[in-house]
C-alpha atoms as a PDB file:
ATOM      1  CA  MET A   1     139.781 131.620 124.715  1.00  0.00           C
ATOM      2  CA  TYR A   2     139.701 135.156 126.070  1.00  0.00           C
ATOM      3  CA  ALA A   3     136.851 137.464 127.035  1.00  0.00           C
ATOM      4  CA  PRO A   4     136.543 140.526 129.284  1.00  0.00           C
ATOM      5  CA  ALA A   5     135.853 139.771 132.944  1.00  0.00           C
ATOM      6  CA  VAL A   6     132.670 141.820 132.963  1.00  0.00           C
ATOM      7  CA  TYR A   7     131.308 139.714 135.853  1.00  0.00           C
ATOM      8  CA  TYR A   8     133.932 141.474 138.031  1.00  0.00           C
ATOM      9  CA  PRO A   9     132.499 144.843 139.194  1.00  0.00           C
ATOM     10  CA  PRO A  10     135.606 147.000 138.515  1.00  0.00           C
ATOM     11  CA  VAL A  11     135.682 145.744 134.910  1.00  0.00           C
ATOM     12  CA  MET A  12     131.956 146.247 134.509  1.00  0.00           C
ATOM     13  CA  ASP A  13     132.363 149.807 135.785  1.00  0.00           C
ATOM     14  CA  ARG A  14     134.479 150.593 132.728  1.00  0.00           C
ATOM     15  CA  TYR A  15     132.081 148.805 130.379  1.00  0.00           C
ATOM     16  CA  ILE A  16     129.157 150.784 131.767  1.00  0.00           C
ATOM     17  CA  ALA A  17     131.130 153.999 131.259  1.00  0.00           C
ATOM     18  CA  LEU A  18     131.528 152.994 127.611  1.00  0.00           C
ATOM     19  CA  VAL A  19     127.799 152.278 127.281  1.00  0.00           C
ATOM     20  CA  GLN A  20     126.973 155.664 128.779  1.00  0.00           C
ATOM     21  CA  ALA A  21     129.325 157.424 126.374  1.00  0.00           C
ATOM     22  CA  LEU A  22     127.804 155.590 123.422  1.00  0.00           C
ATOM     23  CA  GLY A  23     124.320 156.562 124.555  1.00  0.00           C
ATOM     24  CA  GLN A  24     125.287 160.199 124.834  1.00  0.00           C
ATOM     25  CA  HIS A  25     126.520 160.237 121.243  1.00  0.00           C
ATOM     26  CA  LEU A  26     124.116 157.825 119.543  1.00  0.00           C
ATOM     27  CA  ASP A  27     120.726 157.751 121.285  1.00  0.00           C
ATOM     28  CA  ALA A  28     119.394 160.685 119.264  1.00  0.00           C
ATOM     29  CA  ASP A  29     120.747 159.373 115.956  1.00  0.00           C
ATOM     30  CA  PRO A  30     117.808 158.185 113.803  1.00  0.00           C
ATOM     31  CA  ASN A  31     120.141 155.775 111.987  1.00  0.00           C
ATOM     32  CA  VAL A  32     120.878 153.817 115.178  1.00  0.00           C
ATOM     33  CA  GLU A  33     118.255 151.104 115.493  1.00  0.00           C
ATOM     34  CA  ALA A  34     119.400 149.341 118.652  1.00  0.00           C
ATOM     35  CA  PHE A  35     122.145 148.693 121.180  1.00  0.00           C
ATOM     36  CA  PHE A  36     122.766 144.937 120.996  1.00  0.00           C
ATOM     37  CA  VAL A  37     124.747 143.102 123.696  1.00  0.00           C
ATOM     38  CA  GLN A  38     125.954 139.858 122.178  1.00  0.00           C
ATOM     39  CA  GLU A  39     125.445 136.505 123.871  1.00  0.00           C
ATOM     40  CA  GLU A  40     126.804 136.061 127.370  1.00  0.00           C
ATOM     41  CA  SER A  41     127.844 132.459 126.782  1.00  0.00           C
ATOM     42  CA  ALA A  42     131.258 133.543 125.435  1.00  0.00           C
ATOM     43  CA  ILE A  43     131.952 135.129 128.829  1.00  0.00           C
ATOM     44  CA  VAL A  44     130.909 131.931 130.603  1.00  0.00           C
ATOM     45  CA  GLN A  45     133.075 129.753 128.360  1.00  0.00           C
ATOM     46  CA  ALA A  46     136.161 131.902 128.856  1.00  0.00           C
ATOM     47  CA  ALA A  47     135.695 132.208 132.612  1.00  0.00           C
ATOM     48  CA  ALA A  48     134.525 128.730 133.547  1.00  0.00           C
ATOM     49  CA  GLY A  49     134.421 126.459 130.533  1.00  0.00           C
ATOM     50  CA  PHE A  50     137.958 125.277 129.844  1.00  0.00           C
ATOM     51  CA  GLY A  51     139.368 124.180 133.182  1.00  0.00           C
ATOM     52  CA  ASN A  52     141.155 127.400 134.151  1.00  0.00           C
ATOM     53  CA  ASN A  53     138.267 128.889 136.091  1.00  0.00           C
ATOM     54  CA  ASP A  54     138.435 132.525 137.102  1.00  0.00           C
ATOM     55  CA  PRO A  55     137.842 132.728 140.884  1.00  0.00           C
ATOM     56  CA  HIS A  56     135.881 135.932 140.325  1.00  0.00           C
ATOM     57  CA  TYR A  57     133.331 134.097 138.162  1.00  0.00           C
ATOM     58  CA  SER A  58     130.026 132.636 139.249  1.00  0.00           C
ATOM     59  CA  ASP A  59     126.648 132.609 137.536  1.00  0.00           C
ATOM     60  CA  PRO A  60     125.104 134.852 140.231  1.00  0.00           C
ATOM     61  CA  ALA A  61     127.970 137.344 139.882  1.00  0.00           C
ATOM     62  CA  TRP A  62     127.650 137.485 136.085  1.00  0.00           C
ATOM     63  CA  LEU A  63     123.856 137.689 136.273  1.00  0.00           C
ATOM     64  CA  ALA A  64     124.019 140.600 138.721  1.00  0.00           C
ATOM     65  CA  GLN A  65     126.525 142.493 136.585  1.00  0.00           C
ATOM     66  CA  ALA A  66     124.582 141.806 133.377  1.00  0.00           C
ATOM     67  CA  GLU A  67     121.433 143.241 134.933  1.00  0.00           C
ATOM     68  CA  ARG A  68     123.414 146.224 136.202  1.00  0.00           C
ATOM     69  CA  MET A  69     124.836 146.875 132.733  1.00  0.00           C
ATOM     70  CA  LEU A  70     121.484 146.493 130.975  1.00  0.00           C
ATOM     71  CA  SER A  71     119.847 148.906 133.420  1.00  0.00           C
ATOM     72  CA  ALA A  72     122.583 151.407 132.601  1.00  0.00           C
ATOM     73  CA  ALA A  73     122.005 150.797 128.895  1.00  0.00           C
ATOM     74  CA  THR A  74     118.284 151.605 129.002  1.00  0.00           C
ATOM     75  CA  ALA A  75     119.097 154.759 130.965  1.00  0.00           C
ATOM     76  CA  ALA A  76     121.741 155.738 128.399  1.00  0.00           C
ATOM     77  CA  PHE A  77     119.501 154.865 125.423  1.00  0.00           C
ATOM     78  CA  PRO A  78     116.012 156.090 126.407  1.00  0.00           C
ATOM     79  CA  HIS A  79     114.944 156.388 122.737  1.00  0.00           C
ATOM     80  CA  THR A  80     116.707 153.282 121.408  1.00  0.00           C
ATOM     81  CA  SER A  81     115.992 149.583 121.738  1.00  0.00           C
ATOM     82  CA  VAL A  82     118.351 147.639 124.001  1.00  0.00           C
ATOM     83  CA  ILE A  83     118.817 143.959 123.138  1.00  0.00           C
ATOM     84  CA  MET A  84     120.505 141.140 125.046  1.00  0.00           C
ATOM     85  CA  GLY A  85     121.591 137.953 123.310  1.00  0.00           C
ATOM     86  CA  ASN A  86     120.782 135.742 126.272  1.00  0.00           C
ATOM     87  CA  ALA A  87     121.888 132.204 125.402  1.00  0.00           C
ATOM     88  CA  TYR A  88     123.627 130.161 128.098  1.00  0.00           C
ATOM     89  CA  PHE A  89     125.066 130.455 131.589  1.00  0.00           C
ATOM     90  CA  ALA A  90     126.813 127.569 133.310  1.00  0.00           C
ATOM     91  CA  ASN A  91     123.418 126.798 134.891  1.00  0.00           C
ATOM     92  CA  GLY A  92     120.289 127.023 132.768  1.00  0.00           C
ATOM     93  CA  GLN A  93     118.306 128.554 135.615  1.00  0.00           C
ATOM     94  CA  SER A  94     120.430 131.710 135.368  1.00  0.00           C
ATOM     95  CA  ALA A  95     119.492 132.148 131.711  1.00  0.00           C
ATOM     96  CA  VAL A  96     115.816 131.820 132.627  1.00  0.00           C
ATOM     97  CA  ALA A  97     116.221 134.351 135.444  1.00  0.00           C
ATOM     98  CA  LEU A  98     117.876 136.849 133.104  1.00  0.00           C
ATOM     99  CA  GLU A  99     115.226 136.459 130.383  1.00  0.00           C
ATOM    100  CA  GLU A 100     112.405 136.989 132.863  1.00  0.00           C
ATOM    101  CA  TRP A 101     114.189 140.044 134.289  1.00  0.00           C
ATOM    102  CA  MET A 102     114.675 141.390 130.764  1.00  0.00           C
ATOM    103  CA  ALA A 103     110.949 141.175 130.068  1.00  0.00           C
ATOM    104  CA  LYS A 104     110.249 143.413 133.059  1.00  0.00           C
ATOM    105  CA  ASN A 105     112.953 145.959 132.275  1.00  0.00           C
ATOM    106  CA  ARG A 106     112.569 146.938 128.600  1.00  0.00           C
ATOM    107  CA  ILE A 107     115.260 144.646 127.260  1.00  0.00           C
ATOM    108  CA  ALA A 108     114.475 142.907 123.971  1.00  0.00           C
ATOM    109  CA  ALA A 109     115.162 139.214 123.504  1.00  0.00           C
ATOM    110  CA  GLY A 110     118.128 138.583 121.233  1.00  0.00           C
ATOM    111  CA  THR A 111     120.072 135.644 119.917  1.00  0.00           C
ATOM    112  CA  ALA A 112     123.183 135.190 117.812  1.00  0.00           C
ATOM    113  CA  ASP A 113     121.615 132.358 115.792  1.00  0.00           C
ATOM    114  CA  THR A 114     118.126 131.799 114.446  1.00  0.00           C
ATOM    115  CA  PHE A 115     116.692 128.366 113.641  1.00  0.00           C
ATOM    116  CA  GLY A 116     114.300 127.761 110.754  1.00  0.00           C
ATOM    117  CA  GLN A 117     110.671 126.890 111.414  1.00  0.00           C
ATOM    118  CA  SER A 118     111.050 123.408 109.948  1.00  0.00           C
ATOM    119  CA  SER A 119     113.611 122.441 112.589  1.00  0.00           C
ATOM    120  CA  ILE A 120     111.722 124.058 115.448  1.00  0.00           C
ATOM    121  CA  LEU A 121     108.727 121.881 114.601  1.00  0.00           C
ATOM    122  CA  ALA A 122     110.736 118.716 113.907  1.00  0.00           C
ATOM    123  CA  ASN A 123     112.866 118.992 117.048  1.00  0.00           C
ATOM    124  CA  HIS A 124     110.197 120.330 119.416  1.00  0.00           C
ATOM    125  CA  PHE A 125     112.377 123.329 120.425  1.00  0.00           C
ATOM    126  CA  ASN A 126     115.428 121.144 121.178  1.00  0.00           C
ATOM    127  CA  GLY A 127     118.665 122.792 120.107  1.00  0.00           C
ATOM    128  CA  LEU A 128     117.502 126.289 120.954  1.00  0.00           C
ATOM    129  CA  SER A 129     119.470 128.085 123.648  1.00  0.00           C
ATOM    130  CA  ASP A 130     118.272 128.287 127.252  1.00  0.00           C
ATOM    131  CA  GLY A 131     117.532 131.997 126.805  1.00  0.00           C
ATOM    132  CA  VAL A 132     115.458 131.544 123.655  1.00  0.00           C
ATOM    133  CA  LYS A 133     113.539 128.674 125.241  1.00  0.00           C
ATOM    134  CA  ALA A 134     112.803 130.926 128.222  1.00  0.00           C
ATOM    135  CA  TYR A 135     111.532 133.635 125.864  1.00  0.00           C
ATOM    136  CA  LEU A 136     109.195 131.097 124.267  1.00  0.00           C
ATOM    137  CA  GLY A 137     108.136 129.658 127.635  1.00  0.00           C
ATOM    138  CA  VAL A 138     109.335 126.144 126.809  1.00  0.00           C
ATOM    139  CA  ASN A 139     112.403 125.889 129.071  1.00  0.00           C
ATOM    140  CA  THR A 140     110.671 123.396 131.344  1.00  0.00           C
ATOM    141  CA  THR A 141     113.934 121.912 132.650  1.00  0.00           C
ATOM    142  CA  ASN A 142     114.924 125.194 134.259  1.00  0.00           C
ATOM    143  CA  GLY A 143     111.557 126.704 135.161  1.00  0.00           C
ATOM    144  CA  GLY A 144     111.045 128.973 132.159  1.00  0.00           C
ATOM    145  CA  THR A 145     107.443 128.056 131.419  1.00  0.00           C
ATOM    146  CA  THR A 146     105.951 131.559 131.045  1.00  0.00           C
ATOM    147  CA  ASP A 147     105.531 132.644 127.420  1.00  0.00           C
ATOM    148  CA  LEU A 148     107.247 136.037 127.310  1.00  0.00           C
ATOM    149  CA  ARG A 149     106.379 136.863 123.697  1.00  0.00           C
ATOM    150  CA  PRO A 150     103.348 138.987 124.613  1.00  0.00           C
ATOM    151  CA  VAL A 151     105.423 141.270 126.863  1.00  0.00           C
ATOM    152  CA  MET A 152     108.811 141.646 125.137  1.00  0.00           C
ATOM    153  CA  PRO A 153     109.990 141.960 121.536  1.00  0.00           C
ATOM    154  CA  ALA A 154     112.437 139.625 119.831  1.00  0.00           C
ATOM    155  CA  MET A 155     115.221 141.170 117.765  1.00  0.00           C
ATOM    156  CA  PHE A 156     117.300 138.311 116.398  1.00  0.00           C
ATOM    157  CA  ASP A 157     120.500 137.959 114.396  1.00  0.00           C
ATOM    158  CA  VAL A 158     120.615 135.676 111.372  1.00  0.00           C
ATOM    159  CA  GLU A 159     124.250 134.748 110.873  1.00  0.00           C
ATOM    160  CA  SER A 160     126.154 133.046 108.069  1.00  0.00           C
ATOM    161  CA  GLY A 161     126.212 129.729 109.923  1.00  0.00           C
ATOM    162  CA  ASP A 162     122.432 129.684 110.010  1.00  0.00           C
ATOM    163  CA  MET A 163     122.189 129.832 106.209  1.00  0.00           C
ATOM    164  CA  THR A 164     125.393 128.508 104.661  1.00  0.00           C
ATOM    165  CA  THR A 165     127.303 125.976 106.803  1.00  0.00           C
ATOM    166  CA  THR A 166     126.772 122.629 108.496  1.00  0.00           C
ATOM    167  CA  TYR A 167     127.329 124.070 111.975  1.00  0.00           C
ATOM    168  CA  PHE A 168     123.701 123.347 112.900  1.00  0.00           C
ATOM    169  CA  HIS A 169     123.385 120.215 110.758  1.00  0.00           C
ATOM    170  CA  LYS A 170     122.416 118.169 113.831  1.00  0.00           C
ATOM    171  CA  TRP A 171     119.312 120.336 114.168  1.00  0.00           C
ATOM    172  CA  GLY A 172     118.422 120.555 110.482  1.00  0.00           C
ATOM    173  CA  GLY A 173     120.521 123.516 109.372  1.00  0.00           C
ATOM    174  CA  PRO A 174     121.419 125.344 107.275  1.00  0.00           C
ATOM    175  CA  TRP A 175     118.055 126.962 106.623  1.00  0.00           C
ATOM    176  CA  SER A 176     116.672 128.870 103.684  1.00  0.00           C
ATOM    177  CA  PRO A 177     115.741 132.538 104.102  1.00  0.00           C
ATOM    178  CA  GLU A 178     112.086 131.572 103.636  1.00  0.00           C
ATOM    179  CA  ASP A 179     112.272 129.018 106.464  1.00  0.00           C
ATOM    180  CA  LEU A 180     113.954 131.568 108.720  1.00  0.00           C
ATOM    181  CA  VAL A 181     111.408 134.287 107.993  1.00  0.00           C
ATOM    182  CA  THR A 182     108.613 131.840 108.775  1.00  0.00           C
ATOM    183  CA  ALA A 183     110.201 131.126 112.160  1.00  0.00           C
ATOM    184  CA  LEU A 184     110.689 134.840 112.845  1.00  0.00           C
ATOM    185  CA  ASN A 185     106.994 135.452 112.224  1.00  0.00           C
ATOM    186  CA  VAL A 186     105.329 132.285 113.504  1.00  0.00           C
ATOM    187  CA  THR A 187     107.427 131.095 116.463  1.00  0.00           C
ATOM    188  CA  TYR A 188     109.660 133.989 117.527  1.00  0.00           C
ATOM    189  CA  LYS A 189     107.158 136.745 116.657  1.00  0.00           C
ATOM    190  CA  ALA A 190     110.129 138.999 116.047  1.00  0.00           C
ATOM    191  CA  THR A 191     109.922 142.738 115.519  1.00  0.00           C
ATOM    192  CA  HIS A 192     113.417 142.935 114.000  1.00  0.00           C
ATOM    193  CA  ALA A 193     115.838 140.610 112.234  1.00  0.00           C
ATOM    194  CA  PHE A 194     119.472 141.552 111.658  1.00  0.00           C
ATOM    195  CA  TRP A 195     120.725 139.559 108.661  1.00  0.00           C
ATOM    196  CA  THR A 196     124.400 139.021 107.925  1.00  0.00           C
ATOM    197  CA  ARG A 197     125.024 140.573 104.524  1.00  0.00           C
ATOM    198  CA  MET A 198     126.776 137.983 102.369  1.00  0.00           C
ATOM    199  CA  VAL A 199     128.075 138.316  98.824  1.00  0.00           C
ATOM    200  CA  GLY A 200     130.739 136.719  96.642  1.00  0.00           C
ATOM    201  CA  LYS A 201     131.145 132.932  96.938  1.00  0.00           C
ATOM    202  CA  THR A 202     128.180 132.591  99.271  1.00  0.00           C
ATOM    203  CA  PRO A 203     125.468 130.159  98.046  1.00  0.00           C
ATOM    204  CA  ALA A 204     123.007 132.035  95.872  1.00  0.00           C
ATOM    205  CA  ALA A 205     120.028 131.756  98.235  1.00  0.00           C
ATOM    206  CA  ALA A 206     122.017 133.375 101.062  1.00  0.00           C
ATOM    207  CA  GLN A 207     123.433 136.242  99.018  1.00  0.00           C
ATOM    208  CA  TRP A 208     122.054 139.561 100.160  1.00  0.00           C
ATOM    209  CA  VAL A 209     120.276 140.422  96.922  1.00  0.00           C
ATOM    210  CA  ASN A 210     118.179 137.252  97.269  1.00  0.00           C
ATOM    211  CA  VAL A 211     117.729 137.491 101.049  1.00  0.00           C
ATOM    212  CA  ALA A 212     116.507 141.067 100.645  1.00  0.00           C
ATOM    213  CA  ALA A 213     113.952 139.916  98.064  1.00  0.00           C
ATOM    214  CA  VAL A 214     112.656 137.247 100.461  1.00  0.00           C
ATOM    215  CA  CYS A 215     112.379 139.819 103.264  1.00  0.00           C
ATOM    216  CA  ALA A 216     110.528 142.246 100.991  1.00  0.00           C
ATOM    217  CA  ALA A 217     108.054 139.559  99.959  1.00  0.00           C
ATOM    218  CA  ASN A 218     107.605 138.254 103.528  1.00  0.00           C
ATOM    219  CA  PRO A 219     107.770 141.201 105.922  1.00  0.00           C
ATOM    220  CA  LEU A 220     107.825 140.760 109.658  1.00  0.00           C
ATOM    221  CA  LEU A 221     104.283 140.892 110.994  1.00  0.00           C
ATOM    222  CA  ARG A 222     104.836 142.130 114.536  1.00  0.00           C
ATOM    223  CA  THR A 223     105.498 145.846 114.495  1.00  0.00           C
ATOM    224  CA  ALA A 224     104.029 147.171 117.751  1.00  0.00           C
ATOM    225  CA  TYR A 225     106.254 147.855 120.757  1.00  0.00           C
ATOM    226  CA  PRO A 226     105.378 146.476 124.212  1.00  0.00           C
ATOM    227  CA  ALA A 227     103.658 148.729 126.706  1.00  0.00           C
ATOM    228  CA  ASN A 228     106.791 149.106 128.847  1.00  0.00           C
ATOM    229  CA  TYR A 229     108.638 150.906 126.027  1.00  0.00           C
ATOM    230  CA  PRO A 230     108.799 154.710 126.344  1.00  0.00           C
END
């Protein structure tokens, strides 16, 4: 598995330069809804998860560089939402620390996968990532007991595996669009949901024409931005 060594400052320097260039070109574009940094766990897995550990990697190093990059992103995108898919570090306490920092620095909570409400209730939040648990204030193992929903928005992905495969079967997946929308409104209190657009051989309920109808009939209820947004 390969991933960029963005926990190493010289590499992050180049990534930040890219973010700044994107902001210069896209921040004023009304068709750009958000700048979304996908989950950091892929970086952790590549750097420290398969036995060939990168000596440059540590959770504190990656956390520091992630915060540095996200600060640069809000500066580069002053009129655009910035989202971080905070899922897992090697140590769960680092994910909690990042989520709590995000809440104070205008970074929206993100995730690559969204669980349905039925499974959240049945499993008592088990199966959710460390970052999402910290957002909800239920990451008691790692100290994330402050409910961050009142002070930061959630802008979550809904991917194909959430609706069409057995990837999350252990936790009750896949979930129907209705179940997912209920979770987005009731538990996550999301302001945005980014749905994977599926067509063709996809099961009928997950095809975009039907997902769009569910979204139209069950709109997201939280539409106000937090006070720390410009």
